[in-house]
Amino acid sequence: MTVPRLRARKGGEPLVCLAAYTTPVARAIDPHCDVVLVGDSVGMVLHGLPSTLGVTLEMMIMHGAAVRRGLTKALLVVDMPFGSYEASPADAYRNAARIMAETGAAAVKLEGGQAMAETIAFLTARGIPVMGHVGLMPQSVHSSGGYSARGTHSRDWAPIRSDARAVAAAGTFAVVVEAVGEPLARQITQDLAVPTIGIGASPACDGQILVIDDLLGMTSRSPRFVKRYAEVGDAITAAAAHYAQEVRARTFPGPEHTYAMKD
């Protein structure tokens, strides 16, 4: 997958996107995905942070490089973490260029609407493909009042639609639409000439994304928009319990797991 090919999928076969953070998981999902995003959700999912705000550029680069090593097919996109792009377009370019150079990513993703349009235009004019992100923006939860869905009242639609139009006009090749009222996500998809990727949005979006750990049942709490396709967390707990039982009973390791003398 390439950025131009992904952009050309607007209105076509839905784009399959997942957020992942490690080489083995990337390798497992790569055959089935058009996009693999290394999201700043890594801070909460893998590092136990209370929000995405503590995620650093170094963390994103480390996980981005790990995921790159597991991909042969999907487009790799890496989130720009909080504080790495807001100060100025020049700061954003320096940090985005570092992410791409050190991870092998094809694009970066950043949050924000009209306020980020200048930065997006600056990056795209200099050869850095940008995926946008509007609606619920986790890096702004303190100023916006938490993780509740956006645009569930029609009176709140206008600024969200304006944000989506602004980032598309600035040059994004796709826009993530997170946790907004279903009719609004449908309208934004109609508004934009670039693909929309929904997460808690609408089946009418041009693609969908979930965090792989949510999909696998690895997280203790799931947002409304998550469908748990497996319960891998329960399987891990059961396997660990079985292992502990055998170790304490001295039935593991057995003869087949140990090395006999050869003389």
C-alpha atoms as a PDB file:
ATOM      1  CA  MET A   1       0.000   0.000   0.000  1.00  0.00           C
ATOM      2  CA  THR A   2       1.149   3.521  -0.800  1.00  0.00           C
ATOM      3  CA  VAL A   3      -0.234   6.924   0.079  1.00  0.00           C
ATOM      4  CA  PRO A   4      -1.523   7.605  -3.484  1.00  0.00           C
ATOM      5  CA  ARG A   5      -3.161   4.163  -3.669  1.00  0.00           C
ATOM      6  CA  LEU A   6      -4.813   4.681  -0.305  1.00  0.00           C
ATOM      7  CA  ARG A   7      -6.103   8.120  -1.303  1.00  0.00           C
ATOM      8  CA  ALA A   8      -7.524   6.624  -4.485  1.00  0.00           C
ATOM      9  CA  ARG A   9      -9.628   4.176  -2.427  1.00  0.00           C
ATOM     10  CA  LYS A  10     -12.070   6.984  -1.559  1.00  0.00           C
ATOM     11  CA  GLY A  11     -15.559   5.582  -2.034  1.00  0.00           C
ATOM     12  CA  GLY A  12     -14.227   2.136  -2.950  1.00  0.00           C
ATOM     13  CA  GLU A  13     -13.547  -1.039  -0.995  1.00  0.00           C
ATOM     14  CA  PRO A  14     -13.384  -0.110   2.707  1.00  0.00           C
ATOM     15  CA  LEU A  15      -9.904   0.368   4.142  1.00  0.00           C
ATOM     16  CA  VAL A  16      -8.913  -2.055   6.908  1.00  0.00           C
ATOM     17  CA  CYS A  17      -6.760  -0.364   9.559  1.00  0.00           C
ATOM     18  CA  LEU A  18      -5.445  -1.495  12.934  1.00  0.00           C
ATOM     19  CA  ALA A  19      -3.265   0.130  15.569  1.00  0.00           C
ATOM     20  CA  ALA A  20      -0.384  -2.058  16.755  1.00  0.00           C
ATOM     21  CA  TYR A  21       2.944  -1.609  18.528  1.00  0.00           C
ATOM     22  CA  THR A  22       5.171  -4.697  18.217  1.00  0.00           C
ATOM     23  CA  THR A  23       6.889  -6.741  15.506  1.00  0.00           C
ATOM     24  CA  PRO A  24       5.092 -10.085  16.136  1.00  0.00           C
ATOM     25  CA  VAL A  25       1.657  -8.480  16.117  1.00  0.00           C
ATOM     26  CA  ALA A  26       2.498  -6.424  13.026  1.00  0.00           C
ATOM     27  CA  ARG A  27       3.599  -9.583  11.242  1.00  0.00           C
ATOM     28  CA  ALA A  28       0.353 -11.356  12.188  1.00  0.00           C
ATOM     29  CA  ILE A  29      -2.000  -8.611  11.021  1.00  0.00           C
ATOM     30  CA  ASP A  30      -0.076  -7.370   7.976  1.00  0.00           C
ATOM     31  CA  PRO A  31      -1.719  -9.715   5.415  1.00  0.00           C
ATOM     32  CA  HIS A  32      -5.160  -8.416   6.373  1.00  0.00           C
ATOM     33  CA  CYS A  33      -4.541  -4.667   6.717  1.00  0.00           C
ATOM     34  CA  ASP A  34      -4.269  -1.722   4.380  1.00  0.00           C
ATOM     35  CA  VAL A  35      -2.901   0.528   7.139  1.00  0.00           C
ATOM     36  CA  VAL A  36      -1.128  -0.249  10.393  1.00  0.00           C
ATOM     37  CA  LEU A  37      -1.003   2.735  12.720  1.00  0.00           C
ATOM     38  CA  VAL A  38       1.460   3.005  15.574  1.00  0.00           C
ATOM     39  CA  GLY A  39      -0.826   5.064  17.764  1.00  0.00           C
ATOM     40  CA  ASP A  40       0.080   7.091  20.811  1.00  0.00           C
ATOM     41  CA  SER A  41      -2.452   4.837  22.528  1.00  0.00           C
ATOM     42  CA  VAL A  42       0.679   2.728  23.106  1.00  0.00           C
ATOM     43  CA  GLY A  43       1.159   4.765  26.263  1.00  0.00           C
ATOM     44  CA  MET A  44      -2.060   3.482  27.790  1.00  0.00           C
ATOM     45  CA  VAL A  45      -2.149   0.022  26.209  1.00  0.00           C
ATOM     46  CA  LEU A  46       1.469  -1.116  26.714  1.00  0.00           C
ATOM     47  CA  HIS A  47       3.008   1.317  29.186  1.00  0.00           C
ATOM     48  CA  GLY A  48       0.175   1.707  31.709  1.00  0.00           C
ATOM     49  CA  LEU A  49      -0.055   5.494  31.407  1.00  0.00           C
ATOM     50  CA  PRO A  50      -3.333   7.192  32.371  1.00  0.00           C
ATOM     51  CA  SER A  51      -3.581   9.012  29.028  1.00  0.00           C
ATOM     52  CA  THR A  52      -1.658   9.580  25.804  1.00  0.00           C
ATOM     53  CA  LEU A  53      -0.115  12.814  27.097  1.00  0.00           C
ATOM     54  CA  GLY A  54       2.949  11.152  28.618  1.00  0.00           C
ATOM     55  CA  VAL A  55       3.999   9.482  25.373  1.00  0.00           C
ATOM     56  CA  THR A  56       7.344  10.704  24.057  1.00  0.00           C
ATOM     57  CA  LEU A  57       8.805  10.997  20.590  1.00  0.00           C
ATOM     58  CA  GLU A  58      11.360   8.339  21.518  1.00  0.00           C
ATOM     59  CA  MET A  59       8.583   5.906  22.467  1.00  0.00           C
ATOM     60  CA  MET A  60       6.819   6.442  19.148  1.00  0.00           C
ATOM     61  CA  ILE A  61      10.055   5.931  17.219  1.00  0.00           C
ATOM     62  CA  MET A  62      10.919   2.760  19.130  1.00  0.00           C
ATOM     63  CA  HIS A  63       7.501   1.179  18.532  1.00  0.00           C
ATOM     64  CA  GLY A  64       7.311   2.504  14.977  1.00  0.00           C
ATOM     65  CA  ALA A  65      10.595   0.836  14.072  1.00  0.00           C
ATOM     66  CA  ALA A  66       9.442  -2.413  15.687  1.00  0.00           C
ATOM     67  CA  VAL A  67       6.212  -2.459  13.691  1.00  0.00           C
ATOM     68  CA  ARG A  68       8.051  -1.596  10.466  1.00  0.00           C
ATOM     69  CA  ARG A  69      10.087  -4.791  10.852  1.00  0.00           C
ATOM     70  CA  GLY A  70       6.859  -6.819  10.837  1.00  0.00           C
ATOM     71  CA  LEU A  71       5.264  -5.314   7.721  1.00  0.00           C
ATOM     72  CA  THR A  72       5.600  -6.168   4.053  1.00  0.00           C
ATOM     73  CA  LYS A  73       2.180  -5.096   2.716  1.00  0.00           C
ATOM     74  CA  ALA A  74       0.395  -2.526   4.877  1.00  0.00           C
ATOM     75  CA  LEU A  75       1.080   1.222   4.915  1.00  0.00           C
ATOM     76  CA  LEU A  76       2.817   2.261   8.146  1.00  0.00           C
ATOM     77  CA  VAL A  77       1.605   5.468   9.793  1.00  0.00           C
ATOM     78  CA  VAL A  78       3.051   6.744  13.086  1.00  0.00           C
ATOM     79  CA  ASP A  79       1.319   9.155  15.469  1.00  0.00           C
ATOM     80  CA  MET A  80       3.033  12.396  16.393  1.00  0.00           C
ATOM     81  CA  PRO A  81       2.834  12.568  20.199  1.00  0.00           C
ATOM     82  CA  PHE A  82       1.574  15.472  22.278  1.00  0.00           C
ATOM     83  CA  GLY A  83       3.992  18.402  22.246  1.00  0.00           C
ATOM     84  CA  SER A  84       5.886  17.307  19.134  1.00  0.00           C
ATOM     85  CA  TYR A  85       4.045  19.404  16.525  1.00  0.00           C
ATOM     86  CA  GLU A  86       1.921  22.130  18.133  1.00  0.00           C
ATOM     87  CA  ALA A  87       4.549  24.831  18.769  1.00  0.00           C
ATOM     88  CA  SER A  88       5.336  25.645  15.149  1.00  0.00           C
ATOM     89  CA  PRO A  89       5.330  24.130  11.661  1.00  0.00           C
ATOM     90  CA  ALA A  90       9.131  24.044  11.802  1.00  0.00           C
ATOM     91  CA  ASP A  91       9.094  22.007  15.020  1.00  0.00           C
ATOM     92  CA  ALA A  92       6.508  19.690  13.498  1.00  0.00           C
ATOM     93  CA  TYR A  93       8.645  19.194  10.392  1.00  0.00           C
ATOM     94  CA  ARG A  94      11.778  18.418  12.387  1.00  0.00           C
ATOM     95  CA  ASN A  95       9.987  15.820  14.515  1.00  0.00           C
ATOM     96  CA  ALA A  96       7.999  14.306  11.647  1.00  0.00           C
ATOM     97  CA  ALA A  97      11.153  13.962   9.561  1.00  0.00           C
ATOM     98  CA  ARG A  98      12.847  12.201  12.466  1.00  0.00           C
ATOM     99  CA  ILE A  99       9.924   9.779  12.851  1.00  0.00           C
ATOM    100  CA  MET A 100       9.969   8.894   9.173  1.00  0.00           C
ATOM    101  CA  ALA A 101      13.740   8.580   8.948  1.00  0.00           C
ATOM    102  CA  GLU A 102      14.110   6.438  12.084  1.00  0.00           C
ATOM    103  CA  THR A 103      11.051   4.198  11.654  1.00  0.00           C
ATOM    104  CA  GLY A 104      10.623   3.786   7.915  1.00  0.00           C
ATOM    105  CA  ALA A 105       7.037   5.034   8.178  1.00  0.00           C
ATOM    106  CA  ALA A 106       5.275   6.240   5.039  1.00  0.00           C
ATOM    107  CA  ALA A 107       3.315   8.949   6.871  1.00  0.00           C
ATOM    108  CA  VAL A 108       2.591  10.586  10.194  1.00  0.00           C
ATOM    109  CA  LYS A 109      -0.728  11.308  11.883  1.00  0.00           C
ATOM    110  CA  LEU A 110      -1.520  14.358  13.960  1.00  0.00           C
ATOM    111  CA  GLU A 111      -4.609  15.566  15.793  1.00  0.00           C
ATOM    112  CA  GLY A 112      -6.364  18.870  15.269  1.00  0.00           C
ATOM    113  CA  GLY A 113      -8.603  20.730  12.899  1.00  0.00           C
ATOM    114  CA  GLN A 114      -8.460  24.299  11.665  1.00  0.00           C
ATOM    115  CA  ALA A 115      -5.695  25.201  14.118  1.00  0.00           C
ATOM    116  CA  MET A 116      -3.405  22.583  12.556  1.00  0.00           C
ATOM    117  CA  ALA A 117      -4.134  23.382   8.901  1.00  0.00           C
ATOM    118  CA  GLU A 118      -1.057  25.590   8.511  1.00  0.00           C
ATOM    119  CA  THR A 119       1.189  22.898   9.984  1.00  0.00           C
ATOM    120  CA  ILE A 120      -0.315  20.196   7.780  1.00  0.00           C
ATOM    121  CA  ALA A 121       0.216  22.344   4.677  1.00  0.00           C
ATOM    122  CA  PHE A 122       3.811  23.017   5.743  1.00  0.00           C
ATOM    123  CA  LEU A 123       4.556  19.304   6.159  1.00  0.00           C
ATOM    124  CA  THR A 124       2.863  18.111   2.992  1.00  0.00           C
ATOM    125  CA  ALA A 125       4.575  20.815   0.914  1.00  0.00           C
ATOM    126  CA  ARG A 126       7.878  19.367   2.116  1.00  0.00           C
ATOM    127  CA  GLY A 127       7.146  15.760   1.243  1.00  0.00           C
ATOM    128  CA  ILE A 128       5.727  14.438   4.517  1.00  0.00           C
ATOM    129  CA  PRO A 129       2.353  12.722   4.019  1.00  0.00           C
ATOM    130  CA  VAL A 130      -0.066  13.529   6.843  1.00  0.00           C
ATOM    131  CA  MET A 131      -3.127  11.676   8.093  1.00  0.00           C
ATOM    132  CA  GLY A 132      -5.525  13.947   9.961  1.00  0.00           C
ATOM    133  CA  HIS A 133      -7.614  13.261  13.072  1.00  0.00           C
ATOM    134  CA  VAL A 134     -10.825  15.094  14.055  1.00  0.00           C
ATOM    135  CA  GLY A 135     -13.767  14.568  16.394  1.00  0.00           C
ATOM    136  CA  LEU A 136     -12.651  13.198  19.745  1.00  0.00           C
ATOM    137  CA  MET A 137      -8.962  14.047  20.017  1.00  0.00           C
ATOM    138  CA  PRO A 138      -7.361  12.217  22.971  1.00  0.00           C
ATOM    139  CA  GLN A 139      -4.450  14.666  23.227  1.00  0.00           C
ATOM    140  CA  SER A 140      -6.952  17.463  23.934  1.00  0.00           C
ATOM    141  CA  VAL A 141      -9.147  15.735  26.508  1.00  0.00           C
ATOM    142  CA  HIS A 142      -8.247  18.145  29.315  1.00  0.00           C
ATOM    143  CA  SER A 143      -9.347  21.186  27.344  1.00  0.00           C
ATOM    144  CA  SER A 144     -12.347  19.508  25.712  1.00  0.00           C
ATOM    145  CA  GLY A 145     -13.827  17.902  28.816  1.00  0.00           C
ATOM    146  CA  GLY A 146     -13.005  14.213  28.589  1.00  0.00           C
ATOM    147  CA  TYR A 147     -13.563  11.208  26.359  1.00  0.00           C
ATOM    148  CA  SER A 148     -17.282  11.637  25.600  1.00  0.00           C
ATOM    149  CA  ALA A 149     -18.500  11.402  22.005  1.00  0.00           C
ATOM    150  CA  ARG A 150     -18.612  14.562  19.929  1.00  0.00           C
ATOM    151  CA  GLY A 151     -21.298  15.837  17.588  1.00  0.00           C
ATOM    152  CA  THR A 152     -24.210  13.895  19.061  1.00  0.00           C
ATOM    153  CA  HIS A 153     -26.283  17.097  18.904  1.00  0.00           C
ATOM    154  CA  SER A 154     -26.763  18.686  15.492  1.00  0.00           C
ATOM    155  CA  ARG A 155     -25.954  22.090  16.969  1.00  0.00           C
ATOM    156  CA  ASP A 156     -22.378  20.874  17.511  1.00  0.00           C
ATOM    157  CA  TRP A 157     -21.774  19.686  13.957  1.00  0.00           C
ATOM    158  CA  ALA A 158     -20.492  22.872  12.331  1.00  0.00           C
ATOM    159  CA  PRO A 159     -17.047  23.152  14.001  1.00  0.00           C
ATOM    160  CA  ILE A 160     -16.298  19.443  13.531  1.00  0.00           C
ATOM    161  CA  ARG A 161     -17.248  19.574   9.860  1.00  0.00           C
ATOM    162  CA  SER A 162     -15.124  22.709   9.501  1.00  0.00           C
ATOM    163  CA  ASP A 163     -12.165  20.945  11.143  1.00  0.00           C
ATOM    164  CA  ALA A 164     -12.459  18.011   8.746  1.00  0.00           C
ATOM    165  CA  ARG A 165     -12.700  20.254   5.698  1.00  0.00           C
ATOM    166  CA  ALA A 166      -9.747  22.348   6.870  1.00  0.00           C
ATOM    167  CA  VAL A 167      -7.350  19.445   7.317  1.00  0.00           C
ATOM    168  CA  ALA A 168      -8.400  17.884   4.012  1.00  0.00           C
ATOM    169  CA  ALA A 169      -7.906  21.193   2.206  1.00  0.00           C
ATOM    170  CA  ALA A 170      -4.482  21.544   3.867  1.00  0.00           C
ATOM    171  CA  GLY A 171      -3.312  18.320   2.246  1.00  0.00           C
ATOM    172  CA  THR A 172      -4.089  15.293   4.403  1.00  0.00           C
ATOM    173  CA  PHE A 173      -4.404  12.082   2.388  1.00  0.00           C
ATOM    174  CA  ALA A 174      -6.959  10.619   4.848  1.00  0.00           C
ATOM    175  CA  VAL A 175      -8.739  11.714   8.018  1.00  0.00           C
ATOM    176  CA  VAL A 176      -9.493   9.664  11.136  1.00  0.00           C
ATOM    177  CA  VAL A 177     -12.936  10.524  12.515  1.00  0.00           C
ATOM    178  CA  GLU A 178     -13.178   9.438  16.143  1.00  0.00           C
ATOM    179  CA  ALA A 179     -16.204   9.047  18.425  1.00  0.00           C
ATOM    180  CA  VAL A 180     -18.729  11.288  16.708  1.00  0.00           C
ATOM    181  CA  GLY A 181     -22.443  10.920  16.088  1.00  0.00           C
ATOM    182  CA  GLU A 182     -23.088   8.459  13.270  1.00  0.00           C
ATOM    183  CA  PRO A 183     -24.945  10.906  10.992  1.00  0.00           C
ATOM    184  CA  LEU A 184     -22.141  13.459  11.390  1.00  0.00           C
ATOM    185  CA  ALA A 185     -19.460  10.922  10.406  1.00  0.00           C
ATOM    186  CA  ARG A 186     -21.562  10.006   7.374  1.00  0.00           C
ATOM    187  CA  GLN A 187     -21.817  13.699   6.437  1.00  0.00           C
ATOM    188  CA  ILE A 188     -18.074  14.284   6.864  1.00  0.00           C
ATOM    189  CA  THR A 189     -17.398  11.299   4.595  1.00  0.00           C
ATOM    190  CA  GLN A 190     -19.600  12.913   1.961  1.00  0.00           C
ATOM    191  CA  ASP A 191     -17.939  16.313   2.499  1.00  0.00           C
ATOM    192  CA  LEU A 192     -14.353  15.170   1.925  1.00  0.00           C
ATOM    193  CA  ALA A 193     -12.580  14.157  -1.259  1.00  0.00           C
ATOM    194  CA  VAL A 194     -10.102  12.061   0.780  1.00  0.00           C
ATOM    195  CA  PRO A 195     -10.894   8.843   2.672  1.00  0.00           C
ATOM    196  CA  THR A 196     -12.321   8.951   6.164  1.00  0.00           C
ATOM    197  CA  ILE A 197     -11.290   6.269   8.638  1.00  0.00           C
ATOM    198  CA  GLY A 198     -13.823   5.755  11.387  1.00  0.00           C
ATOM    199  CA  ILE A 199     -13.363   4.735  14.989  1.00  0.00           C
ATOM    200  CA  GLY A 200     -16.645   5.048  16.807  1.00  0.00           C
ATOM    201  CA  ALA A 201     -18.050   6.846  13.784  1.00  0.00           C
ATOM    202  CA  SER A 202     -20.074   5.337  10.925  1.00  0.00           C
ATOM    203  CA  PRO A 203     -20.021   2.270   8.678  1.00  0.00           C
ATOM    204  CA  ALA A 204     -20.290   4.803   5.855  1.00  0.00           C
ATOM    205  CA  CYS A 205     -16.684   5.899   6.481  1.00  0.00           C
ATOM    206  CA  ASP A 206     -14.177   4.849   3.834  1.00  0.00           C
ATOM    207  CA  GLY A 207     -12.396   2.616   6.344  1.00  0.00           C
ATOM    208  CA  GLN A 208     -12.332   1.527   9.978  1.00  0.00           C
ATOM    209  CA  ILE A 209      -9.632   1.341  12.638  1.00  0.00           C
ATOM    210  CA  LEU A 210      -9.413  -0.321  16.040  1.00  0.00           C
ATOM    211  CA  VAL A 211      -6.595  -0.891  18.511  1.00  0.00           C
ATOM    212  CA  ILE A 212      -5.503  -4.518  18.170  1.00  0.00           C
ATOM    213  CA  ASP A 213      -5.390  -5.029  21.947  1.00  0.00           C
ATOM    214  CA  ASP A 214      -9.030  -3.915  22.227  1.00  0.00           C
ATOM    215  CA  LEU A 215     -10.049  -6.220  19.366  1.00  0.00           C
ATOM    216  CA  LEU A 216      -8.288  -9.150  21.055  1.00  0.00           C
ATOM    217  CA  GLY A 217      -9.814  -8.598  24.497  1.00  0.00           C
ATOM    218  CA  MET A 218      -6.472  -7.645  26.024  1.00  0.00           C
ATOM    219  CA  THR A 219      -7.740  -4.476  27.716  1.00  0.00           C
ATOM    220  CA  SER A 220      -9.816  -4.396  30.884  1.00  0.00           C
ATOM    221  CA  ARG A 221     -12.206  -1.718  29.642  1.00  0.00           C
ATOM    222  CA  SER A 222     -13.416  -1.153  26.104  1.00  0.00           C
ATOM    223  CA  PRO A 223     -15.084   1.934  24.642  1.00  0.00           C
ATOM    224  CA  ARG A 224     -18.569   1.545  23.179  1.00  0.00           C
ATOM    225  CA  PHE A 225     -17.156   1.467  19.653  1.00  0.00           C
ATOM    226  CA  VAL A 226     -14.956  -1.606  20.241  1.00  0.00           C
ATOM    227  CA  LYS A 227     -16.006  -5.075  19.171  1.00  0.00           C
ATOM    228  CA  ARG A 228     -13.978  -7.758  20.929  1.00  0.00           C
ATOM    229  CA  TYR A 229     -13.287 -10.425  18.294  1.00  0.00           C
ATOM    230  CA  ALA A 230     -11.397 -12.677  20.738  1.00  0.00           C
ATOM    231  CA  GLU A 231     -10.635 -12.972  24.462  1.00  0.00           C
ATOM    232  CA  VAL A 232      -6.877 -13.437  24.324  1.00  0.00           C
ATOM    233  CA  GLY A 233      -6.459 -11.876  27.761  1.00  0.00           C
ATOM    234  CA  ASP A 234      -8.462 -14.734  29.307  1.00  0.00           C
ATOM    235  CA  ALA A 235      -6.392 -17.263  27.361  1.00  0.00           C
ATOM    236  CA  ILE A 236      -3.142 -15.742  28.680  1.00  0.00           C
ATOM    237  CA  THR A 237      -4.422 -15.865  32.258  1.00  0.00           C
ATOM    238  CA  ALA A 238      -5.469 -19.503  31.852  1.00  0.00           C
ATOM    239  CA  ALA A 239      -2.120 -20.465  30.293  1.00  0.00           C
ATOM    240  CA  ALA A 240      -0.176 -18.739  33.083  1.00  0.00           C
ATOM    241  CA  ALA A 241      -2.292 -20.489  35.710  1.00  0.00           C
ATOM    242  CA  HIS A 242      -1.711 -23.875  34.067  1.00  0.00           C
ATOM    243  CA  TYR A 243       2.040 -23.220  33.881  1.00  0.00           C
ATOM    244  CA  ALA A 244       2.158 -22.180  37.566  1.00  0.00           C
ATOM    245  CA  GLN A 245       0.288 -25.325  38.568  1.00  0.00           C
ATOM    246  CA  GLU A 246       2.733 -27.588  36.711  1.00  0.00           C
ATOM    247  CA  VAL A 247       5.815 -25.798  38.040  1.00  0.00           C
ATOM    248  CA  ARG A 248       4.597 -26.128  41.623  1.00  0.00           C
ATOM    249  CA  ALA A 249       3.742 -29.784  41.052  1.00  0.00           C
ATOM    250  CA  ARG A 250       7.171 -30.378  39.432  1.00  0.00           C
ATOM    251  CA  THR A 251       5.496 -31.831  36.325  1.00  0.00           C
ATOM    252  CA  PHE A 252       7.127 -29.145  34.195  1.00  0.00           C
ATOM    253  CA  PRO A 253       9.705 -29.391  32.807  1.00  0.00           C
ATOM    254  CA  GLY A 254       9.224 -33.003  31.768  1.00  0.00           C
ATOM    255  CA  PRO A 255      11.807 -35.292  30.161  1.00  0.00           C
ATOM    256  CA  GLU A 256      10.911 -33.913  26.712  1.00  0.00           C
ATOM    257  CA  HIS A 257      11.881 -30.407  27.858  1.00  0.00           C
ATOM    258  CA  THR A 258      15.278 -31.248  29.354  1.00  0.00           C
ATOM    259  CA  TYR A 259      18.647 -32.311  27.919  1.00  0.00           C
ATOM    260  CA  ALA A 260      20.111 -35.774  28.606  1.00  0.00           C
ATOM    261  CA  MET A 261      23.819 -36.512  28.716  1.00  0.00           C
ATOM    262  CA  LYS A 262      25.374 -37.689  25.444  1.00  0.00           C
ATOM    263  CA  ASP A 263      28.196 -39.732  27.015  1.00  0.00           C
END
